[in-house]
């Protein structure tokens, strides 16, 4: 199919992902309009230009990705796709950590998709399980200035949520109750909910069972973190960096 444009999306950890916007094409039973380009290295390897005819497949039969370009069909004045240098959401200059393929937006406290993404991760089923909230509600709270980080959720009142609209009071009370109920989830899920880079469900369990409290985890040294089975230097440094911020 034909590549029409490339957009750049910001994840909750600040990773910038280039996404190809395509002429719709039927692939494994679904109509595909978008496909990942992964990172700058992959884009350079493909040597892709706007208007190119590209080959698309589904990785693991799930995620569409571009795997090749038909260069014989390329027009003479085709515009090569360039990776951006600034965040498309907040304008911050992107960084690339040595040894990694991804580019990052470093403005983690001021970039809207990162802020909302962290809240969405925090409330998810495998984390704090606040199922009365969803992406649209999180976006609404953020736009109204009610939520700037996950801690703000625990300060919400039904009156703030409804803005005086009595028709929404019951749903607002349910939201506040489910946020309060989340305080009883196991510690390992709280660690996972924080969204520390490189700390998935398994690592969160290992850290929680070893340190047993947030204070102990927060104050852990590099040496103490490396004592945890399955935790290497990259994860340990990420945990320290998270709590130092």
C-alpha atoms as a PDB file:
ATOM      1  CA  UNK A   1       0.000   0.000   0.000  1.00  0.00           C
ATOM      2  CA  UNK A   2       1.003   3.652  -0.248  1.00  0.00           C
ATOM      3  CA  UNK A   3       2.557   5.689   2.571  1.00  0.00           C
ATOM      4  CA  UNK A   4       0.694   8.988   2.925  1.00  0.00           C
ATOM      5  CA  UNK A   5       2.421  10.568   5.915  1.00  0.00           C
ATOM      6  CA  UNK A   6       4.334   9.849   9.121  1.00  0.00           C
ATOM      7  CA  UNK A   7       3.224  11.066  12.539  1.00  0.00           C
ATOM      8  CA  UNK A   8       5.161  10.882  15.801  1.00  0.00           C
ATOM      9  CA  UNK A   9       3.548   9.694  19.018  1.00  0.00           C
ATOM     10  CA  UNK A  10       4.711  10.197  22.608  1.00  0.00           C
ATOM     11  CA  UNK A  11       4.399   7.314  25.072  1.00  0.00           C
ATOM     12  CA  UNK A  12       4.027   7.561  28.850  1.00  0.00           C
ATOM     13  CA  UNK A  13       7.768   7.021  29.305  1.00  0.00           C
ATOM     14  CA  UNK A  14       8.560   9.751  26.759  1.00  0.00           C
ATOM     15  CA  UNK A  15       9.538   7.361  23.951  1.00  0.00           C
ATOM     16  CA  UNK A  16       8.860   8.822  20.505  1.00  0.00           C
ATOM     17  CA  UNK A  17       7.364   6.307  18.071  1.00  0.00           C
ATOM     18  CA  UNK A  18       7.084   7.094  14.338  1.00  0.00           C
ATOM     19  CA  UNK A  19       3.797   5.846  12.877  1.00  0.00           C
ATOM     20  CA  UNK A  20       3.110   5.391   9.169  1.00  0.00           C
ATOM     21  CA  UNK A  21      -0.276   6.569   7.905  1.00  0.00           C
ATOM     22  CA  UNK A  22      -1.279   4.397   4.970  1.00  0.00           C
ATOM     23  CA  UNK A  23      -3.905   3.979   2.314  1.00  0.00           C
ATOM     24  CA  UNK A  24      -6.218   1.379   3.903  1.00  0.00           C
ATOM     25  CA  UNK A  25      -5.214  -2.193   3.105  1.00  0.00           C
ATOM     26  CA  UNK A  26      -6.806  -5.502   4.133  1.00  0.00           C
ATOM     27  CA  UNK A  27      -4.394  -7.523   6.246  1.00  0.00           C
ATOM     28  CA  UNK A  28      -5.170 -10.753   8.128  1.00  0.00           C
ATOM     29  CA  UNK A  29      -8.855  -9.963   8.198  1.00  0.00           C
ATOM     30  CA  UNK A  30      -8.662  -6.320   9.320  1.00  0.00           C
ATOM     31  CA  UNK A  31      -8.402  -2.996   7.508  1.00  0.00           C
ATOM     32  CA  UNK A  32      -5.028  -1.442   8.335  1.00  0.00           C
ATOM     33  CA  UNK A  33      -4.472   2.317   8.080  1.00  0.00           C
ATOM     34  CA  UNK A  34      -1.484   2.741  10.418  1.00  0.00           C
ATOM     35  CA  UNK A  35       1.740   0.824  11.016  1.00  0.00           C
ATOM     36  CA  UNK A  36       4.689   1.296  13.343  1.00  0.00           C
ATOM     37  CA  UNK A  37       8.087   2.376  12.054  1.00  0.00           C
ATOM     38  CA  UNK A  38       9.650   1.613  15.474  1.00  0.00           C
ATOM     39  CA  UNK A  39      12.494   4.161  15.643  1.00  0.00           C
ATOM     40  CA  UNK A  40      14.973   6.269  13.681  1.00  0.00           C
ATOM     41  CA  UNK A  41      17.285   3.327  12.950  1.00  0.00           C
ATOM     42  CA  UNK A  42      14.443   1.344  11.396  1.00  0.00           C
ATOM     43  CA  UNK A  43      13.381   4.349   9.305  1.00  0.00           C
ATOM     44  CA  UNK A  44      16.953   4.806   8.062  1.00  0.00           C
ATOM     45  CA  UNK A  45      17.222   1.114   7.254  1.00  0.00           C
ATOM     46  CA  UNK A  46      14.030   1.247   5.192  1.00  0.00           C
ATOM     47  CA  UNK A  47      15.116   4.516   3.490  1.00  0.00           C
ATOM     48  CA  UNK A  48      11.460   5.468   3.335  1.00  0.00           C
ATOM     49  CA  UNK A  49       9.894   8.459   1.561  1.00  0.00           C
ATOM     50  CA  UNK A  50       6.430  10.001   1.529  1.00  0.00           C
ATOM     51  CA  UNK A  51       4.340   8.464  -1.270  1.00  0.00           C
ATOM     52  CA  UNK A  52       6.350   5.217  -1.329  1.00  0.00           C
ATOM     53  CA  UNK A  53       4.673   1.891  -1.965  1.00  0.00           C
ATOM     54  CA  UNK A  54       5.452  -0.172   1.118  1.00  0.00           C
ATOM     55  CA  UNK A  55       5.109  -3.769   2.265  1.00  0.00           C
ATOM     56  CA  UNK A  56       3.169  -4.255   5.481  1.00  0.00           C
ATOM     57  CA  UNK A  57       2.819  -7.314   7.680  1.00  0.00           C
ATOM     58  CA  UNK A  58       1.510  -8.048  11.165  1.00  0.00           C
ATOM     59  CA  UNK A  59       4.132  -8.837  13.788  1.00  0.00           C
ATOM     60  CA  UNK A  60       2.854 -11.839  15.714  1.00  0.00           C
ATOM     61  CA  UNK A  61      -0.362 -11.495  13.680  1.00  0.00           C
ATOM     62  CA  UNK A  62      -1.210  -8.423  15.801  1.00  0.00           C
ATOM     63  CA  UNK A  63       0.832  -5.247  15.280  1.00  0.00           C
ATOM     64  CA  UNK A  64       1.117  -3.891  11.693  1.00  0.00           C
ATOM     65  CA  UNK A  65       4.637  -2.902  10.718  1.00  0.00           C
ATOM     66  CA  UNK A  66       6.392  -1.831   7.518  1.00  0.00           C
ATOM     67  CA  UNK A  67       8.955  -4.386   6.412  1.00  0.00           C
ATOM     68  CA  UNK A  68      10.054  -3.064   3.026  1.00  0.00           C
ATOM     69  CA  UNK A  69       9.804  -0.425   0.310  1.00  0.00           C
ATOM     70  CA  UNK A  70       9.252  -0.890  -3.427  1.00  0.00           C
ATOM     71  CA  UNK A  71      11.925   1.588  -4.549  1.00  0.00           C
ATOM     72  CA  UNK A  72      11.209   0.959  -8.252  1.00  0.00           C
ATOM     73  CA  UNK A  73       7.834   2.685  -7.806  1.00  0.00           C
ATOM     74  CA  UNK A  74       9.319   5.764  -6.104  1.00  0.00           C
ATOM     75  CA  UNK A  75       8.789   9.095  -7.866  1.00  0.00           C
ATOM     76  CA  UNK A  76      11.833  11.242  -8.614  1.00  0.00           C
ATOM     77  CA  UNK A  77      10.982  14.106  -6.220  1.00  0.00           C
ATOM     78  CA  UNK A  78       9.868  11.911  -3.307  1.00  0.00           C
ATOM     79  CA  UNK A  79      10.435  13.532   0.092  1.00  0.00           C
ATOM     80  CA  UNK A  80      12.486  11.350   2.475  1.00  0.00           C
ATOM     81  CA  UNK A  81      10.979  10.908   5.940  1.00  0.00           C
ATOM     82  CA  UNK A  82      13.069  12.675   8.566  1.00  0.00           C
ATOM     83  CA  UNK A  83      12.987  11.889  12.252  1.00  0.00           C
ATOM     84  CA  UNK A  84      11.921  14.869  14.360  1.00  0.00           C
ATOM     85  CA  UNK A  85      14.278  16.680  16.744  1.00  0.00           C
ATOM     86  CA  UNK A  86      11.663  18.190  19.091  1.00  0.00           C
ATOM     87  CA  UNK A  87       8.686  16.683  20.914  1.00  0.00           C
ATOM     88  CA  UNK A  88       5.515  17.047  18.788  1.00  0.00           C
ATOM     89  CA  UNK A  89       3.451  17.677  21.939  1.00  0.00           C
ATOM     90  CA  UNK A  90       5.498  20.032  24.136  1.00  0.00           C
ATOM     91  CA  UNK A  91       8.386  21.154  21.898  1.00  0.00           C
ATOM     92  CA  UNK A  92      11.185  19.886  24.155  1.00  0.00           C
ATOM     93  CA  UNK A  93      14.450  18.914  22.428  1.00  0.00           C
ATOM     94  CA  UNK A  94      14.571  15.121  22.127  1.00  0.00           C
ATOM     95  CA  UNK A  95      17.370  13.063  23.635  1.00  0.00           C
ATOM     96  CA  UNK A  96      18.803   9.670  22.748  1.00  0.00           C
ATOM     97  CA  UNK A  97      20.537   7.646  25.439  1.00  0.00           C
ATOM     98  CA  UNK A  98      23.770   5.985  24.335  1.00  0.00           C
ATOM     99  CA  UNK A  99      23.235   2.356  23.459  1.00  0.00           C
ATOM    100  CA  UNK A 100      19.460   2.721  22.963  1.00  0.00           C
ATOM    101  CA  UNK A 101      17.482   2.924  19.734  1.00  0.00           C
ATOM    102  CA  UNK A 102      14.686   5.167  20.990  1.00  0.00           C
ATOM    103  CA  UNK A 103      14.473   8.944  21.227  1.00  0.00           C
ATOM    104  CA  UNK A 104      12.884  10.436  24.340  1.00  0.00           C
ATOM    105  CA  UNK A 105      11.133  13.617  25.339  1.00  0.00           C
ATOM    106  CA  UNK A 106      12.838  14.579  28.635  1.00  0.00           C
ATOM    107  CA  UNK A 107       9.974  16.865  29.748  1.00  0.00           C
ATOM    108  CA  UNK A 108       8.277  14.182  31.837  1.00  0.00           C
ATOM    109  CA  UNK A 109       6.581  16.666  34.190  1.00  0.00           C
ATOM    110  CA  UNK A 110       5.200  18.974  31.488  1.00  0.00           C
ATOM    111  CA  UNK A 111       4.469  16.830  28.414  1.00  0.00           C
ATOM    112  CA  UNK A 112       0.693  16.059  28.314  1.00  0.00           C
ATOM    113  CA  UNK A 113       0.820  12.536  26.769  1.00  0.00           C
ATOM    114  CA  UNK A 114       3.418  11.464  29.343  1.00  0.00           C
ATOM    115  CA  UNK A 115       1.414  12.843  32.260  1.00  0.00           C
ATOM    116  CA  UNK A 116      -1.868  11.314  31.083  1.00  0.00           C
ATOM    117  CA  UNK A 117      -0.145   8.082  30.073  1.00  0.00           C
ATOM    118  CA  UNK A 118       1.298   7.600  33.555  1.00  0.00           C
ATOM    119  CA  UNK A 119      -2.133   8.160  35.112  1.00  0.00           C
ATOM    120  CA  UNK A 120      -3.734   5.691  32.669  1.00  0.00           C
ATOM    121  CA  UNK A 121      -1.097   3.101  33.526  1.00  0.00           C
ATOM    122  CA  UNK A 122      -1.588   3.745  37.251  1.00  0.00           C
ATOM    123  CA  UNK A 123      -5.362   3.132  37.135  1.00  0.00           C
ATOM    124  CA  UNK A 124      -5.161   0.053  34.880  1.00  0.00           C
ATOM    125  CA  UNK A 125      -6.483  -3.344  35.962  1.00  0.00           C
ATOM    126  CA  UNK A 126      -3.069  -4.903  36.629  1.00  0.00           C
ATOM    127  CA  UNK A 127      -1.989  -1.851  38.606  1.00  0.00           C
ATOM    128  CA  UNK A 128      -4.344   0.030  40.969  1.00  0.00           C
ATOM    129  CA  UNK A 129      -7.475  -1.326  39.247  1.00  0.00           C
ATOM    130  CA  UNK A 130      -9.486   1.919  39.374  1.00  0.00           C
ATOM    131  CA  UNK A 131     -11.988   0.737  36.809  1.00  0.00           C
ATOM    132  CA  UNK A 132     -14.387   3.693  37.136  1.00  0.00           C
ATOM    133  CA  UNK A 133     -11.795   5.770  35.265  1.00  0.00           C
ATOM    134  CA  UNK A 134     -10.668   5.512  31.651  1.00  0.00           C
ATOM    135  CA  UNK A 135      -8.561   7.457  29.130  1.00  0.00           C
ATOM    136  CA  UNK A 136     -11.383   9.894  28.282  1.00  0.00           C
ATOM    137  CA  UNK A 137     -12.035  10.684  31.954  1.00  0.00           C
ATOM    138  CA  UNK A 138      -8.312  11.090  32.632  1.00  0.00           C
ATOM    139  CA  UNK A 139      -8.058  13.489  29.689  1.00  0.00           C
ATOM    140  CA  UNK A 140     -11.075  15.437  30.982  1.00  0.00           C
ATOM    141  CA  UNK A 141      -9.566  15.711  34.486  1.00  0.00           C
ATOM    142  CA  UNK A 142      -6.229  16.807  33.028  1.00  0.00           C
ATOM    143  CA  UNK A 143      -7.791  19.431  30.733  1.00  0.00           C
ATOM    144  CA  UNK A 144      -9.764  20.842  33.684  1.00  0.00           C
ATOM    145  CA  UNK A 145      -6.641  21.031  35.834  1.00  0.00           C
ATOM    146  CA  UNK A 146      -7.868  18.478  38.379  1.00  0.00           C
ATOM    147  CA  UNK A 147      -5.111  15.919  37.833  1.00  0.00           C
ATOM    148  CA  UNK A 148      -1.438  16.639  37.103  1.00  0.00           C
ATOM    149  CA  UNK A 149      -0.047  13.416  38.586  1.00  0.00           C
ATOM    150  CA  UNK A 150      -1.329  10.192  40.136  1.00  0.00           C
ATOM    151  CA  UNK A 151      -1.301  11.645  43.669  1.00  0.00           C
ATOM    152  CA  UNK A 152      -3.929  14.205  42.627  1.00  0.00           C
ATOM    153  CA  UNK A 153      -6.444  11.382  42.148  1.00  0.00           C
ATOM    154  CA  UNK A 154      -6.584  10.877  45.908  1.00  0.00           C
ATOM    155  CA  UNK A 155      -7.545  14.512  46.506  1.00  0.00           C
ATOM    156  CA  UNK A 156     -10.562  14.473  44.158  1.00  0.00           C
ATOM    157  CA  UNK A 157     -14.015  15.189  45.547  1.00  0.00           C
ATOM    158  CA  UNK A 158     -17.427  14.486  43.950  1.00  0.00           C
ATOM    159  CA  UNK A 159     -18.060  18.235  43.765  1.00  0.00           C
ATOM    160  CA  UNK A 160     -14.861  18.815  41.745  1.00  0.00           C
ATOM    161  CA  UNK A 161     -15.759  16.017  39.356  1.00  0.00           C
ATOM    162  CA  UNK A 162     -19.353  17.165  38.737  1.00  0.00           C
ATOM    163  CA  UNK A 163     -18.691  20.935  38.575  1.00  0.00           C
ATOM    164  CA  UNK A 164     -22.073  21.370  40.272  1.00  0.00           C
ATOM    165  CA  UNK A 165     -23.942  19.089  37.832  1.00  0.00           C
ATOM    166  CA  UNK A 166     -26.223  17.073  40.133  1.00  0.00           C
ATOM    167  CA  UNK A 167     -26.977  14.588  37.365  1.00  0.00           C
ATOM    168  CA  UNK A 168     -23.397  13.295  37.638  1.00  0.00           C
ATOM    169  CA  UNK A 169     -23.160  13.064  41.403  1.00  0.00           C
ATOM    170  CA  UNK A 170     -23.756   9.302  41.629  1.00  0.00           C
ATOM    171  CA  UNK A 171     -21.052   8.462  39.079  1.00  0.00           C
ATOM    172  CA  UNK A 172     -18.700  10.963  40.756  1.00  0.00           C
ATOM    173  CA  UNK A 173     -19.228   9.281  44.131  1.00  0.00           C
ATOM    174  CA  UNK A 174     -18.446   5.901  42.539  1.00  0.00           C
ATOM    175  CA  UNK A 175     -15.197   7.293  41.109  1.00  0.00           C
ATOM    176  CA  UNK A 176     -14.095   8.695  44.470  1.00  0.00           C
ATOM    177  CA  UNK A 177     -14.993   5.414  46.223  1.00  0.00           C
ATOM    178  CA  UNK A 178     -13.062   3.278  43.718  1.00  0.00           C
ATOM    179  CA  UNK A 179     -10.008   5.537  44.110  1.00  0.00           C
ATOM    180  CA  UNK A 180     -10.240   5.149  47.886  1.00  0.00           C
ATOM    181  CA  UNK A 181     -10.668   1.363  47.544  1.00  0.00           C
ATOM    182  CA  UNK A 182      -7.456   1.196  45.512  1.00  0.00           C
ATOM    183  CA  UNK A 183      -5.517   1.935  48.709  1.00  0.00           C
ATOM    184  CA  UNK A 184      -5.969  -1.724  49.655  1.00  0.00           C
ATOM    185  CA  UNK A 185      -4.218  -3.273  46.629  1.00  0.00           C
ATOM    186  CA  UNK A 186      -1.039  -5.298  47.358  1.00  0.00           C
ATOM    187  CA  UNK A 187       2.232  -3.362  47.561  1.00  0.00           C
ATOM    188  CA  UNK A 188       3.679  -5.125  44.522  1.00  0.00           C
ATOM    189  CA  UNK A 189       0.915  -3.672  42.361  1.00  0.00           C
ATOM    190  CA  UNK A 190       1.604  -0.189  43.694  1.00  0.00           C
ATOM    191  CA  UNK A 191       5.250  -0.568  42.646  1.00  0.00           C
ATOM    192  CA  UNK A 192       4.137  -1.674  39.177  1.00  0.00           C
ATOM    193  CA  UNK A 193       1.594   1.178  39.009  1.00  0.00           C
ATOM    194  CA  UNK A 194       4.306   3.808  39.484  1.00  0.00           C
ATOM    195  CA  UNK A 195       5.475   3.118  35.942  1.00  0.00           C
ATOM    196  CA  UNK A 196       9.189   3.012  36.731  1.00  0.00           C
ATOM    197  CA  UNK A 197      11.068   2.460  33.501  1.00  0.00           C
ATOM    198  CA  UNK A 198      12.073  -1.203  32.952  1.00  0.00           C
ATOM    199  CA  UNK A 199      10.002  -2.318  35.987  1.00  0.00           C
ATOM    200  CA  UNK A 200       7.246  -4.629  34.765  1.00  0.00           C
ATOM    201  CA  UNK A 201       4.915  -6.854  36.769  1.00  0.00           C
ATOM    202  CA  UNK A 202       7.531  -9.507  37.595  1.00  0.00           C
ATOM    203  CA  UNK A 203      10.239  -7.054  38.636  1.00  0.00           C
ATOM    204  CA  UNK A 204       7.715  -5.096  40.703  1.00  0.00           C
ATOM    205  CA  UNK A 205       6.885  -8.277  42.629  1.00  0.00           C
ATOM    206  CA  UNK A 206      10.561  -9.012  43.259  1.00  0.00           C
ATOM    207  CA  UNK A 207      11.224  -5.478  44.502  1.00  0.00           C
ATOM    208  CA  UNK A 208       8.103  -5.347  46.672  1.00  0.00           C
ATOM    209  CA  UNK A 209       8.770  -8.686  48.342  1.00  0.00           C
ATOM    210  CA  UNK A 210      12.407  -7.787  49.005  1.00  0.00           C
ATOM    211  CA  UNK A 211      11.976  -4.241  50.364  1.00  0.00           C
ATOM    212  CA  UNK A 212       8.413  -4.581  51.757  1.00  0.00           C
ATOM    213  CA  UNK A 213       7.743  -0.811  51.980  1.00  0.00           C
ATOM    214  CA  UNK A 214       7.909   2.258  49.753  1.00  0.00           C
ATOM    215  CA  UNK A 215      10.326   4.010  52.112  1.00  0.00           C
ATOM    216  CA  UNK A 216      12.748   1.072  52.013  1.00  0.00           C
ATOM    217  CA  UNK A 217      12.552   0.890  48.222  1.00  0.00           C
ATOM    218  CA  UNK A 218      12.911   4.661  47.847  1.00  0.00           C
ATOM    219  CA  UNK A 219      16.032   4.759  50.031  1.00  0.00           C
ATOM    220  CA  UNK A 220      17.677   1.635  48.576  1.00  0.00           C
ATOM    221  CA  UNK A 221      21.231   2.016  47.303  1.00  0.00           C
ATOM    222  CA  UNK A 222      22.505   0.593  44.037  1.00  0.00           C
ATOM    223  CA  UNK A 223      24.189  -2.252  45.915  1.00  0.00           C
ATOM    224  CA  UNK A 224      20.995  -3.088  47.821  1.00  0.00           C
ATOM    225  CA  UNK A 225      18.931  -3.119  44.637  1.00  0.00           C
ATOM    226  CA  UNK A 226      21.417  -5.418  42.907  1.00  0.00           C
ATOM    227  CA  UNK A 227      20.927  -7.922  45.725  1.00  0.00           C
ATOM    228  CA  UNK A 228      17.411  -8.572  44.407  1.00  0.00           C
ATOM    229  CA  UNK A 229      17.296 -11.631  42.146  1.00  0.00           C
ATOM    230  CA  UNK A 230      16.492 -10.610  38.568  1.00  0.00           C
ATOM    231  CA  UNK A 231      17.476  -6.960  39.058  1.00  0.00           C
ATOM    232  CA  UNK A 232      20.476  -5.826  37.041  1.00  0.00           C
ATOM    233  CA  UNK A 233      22.297  -2.521  36.859  1.00  0.00           C
ATOM    234  CA  UNK A 234      19.975  -0.973  34.262  1.00  0.00           C
ATOM    235  CA  UNK A 235      16.854  -1.633  36.346  1.00  0.00           C
ATOM    236  CA  UNK A 236      18.577  -0.602  39.592  1.00  0.00           C
ATOM    237  CA  UNK A 237      19.727   2.717  38.123  1.00  0.00           C
ATOM    238  CA  UNK A 238      16.234   3.321  36.730  1.00  0.00           C
ATOM    239  CA  UNK A 239      14.681   2.807  40.178  1.00  0.00           C
ATOM    240  CA  UNK A 240      17.180   5.185  41.790  1.00  0.00           C
ATOM    241  CA  UNK A 241      16.632   7.793  39.077  1.00  0.00           C
ATOM    242  CA  UNK A 242      12.849   7.561  39.513  1.00  0.00           C
ATOM    243  CA  UNK A 243      12.948   8.225  43.241  1.00  0.00           C
ATOM    244  CA  UNK A 244      15.563  10.971  42.907  1.00  0.00           C
ATOM    245  CA  UNK A 245      13.228  12.874  40.577  1.00  0.00           C
END
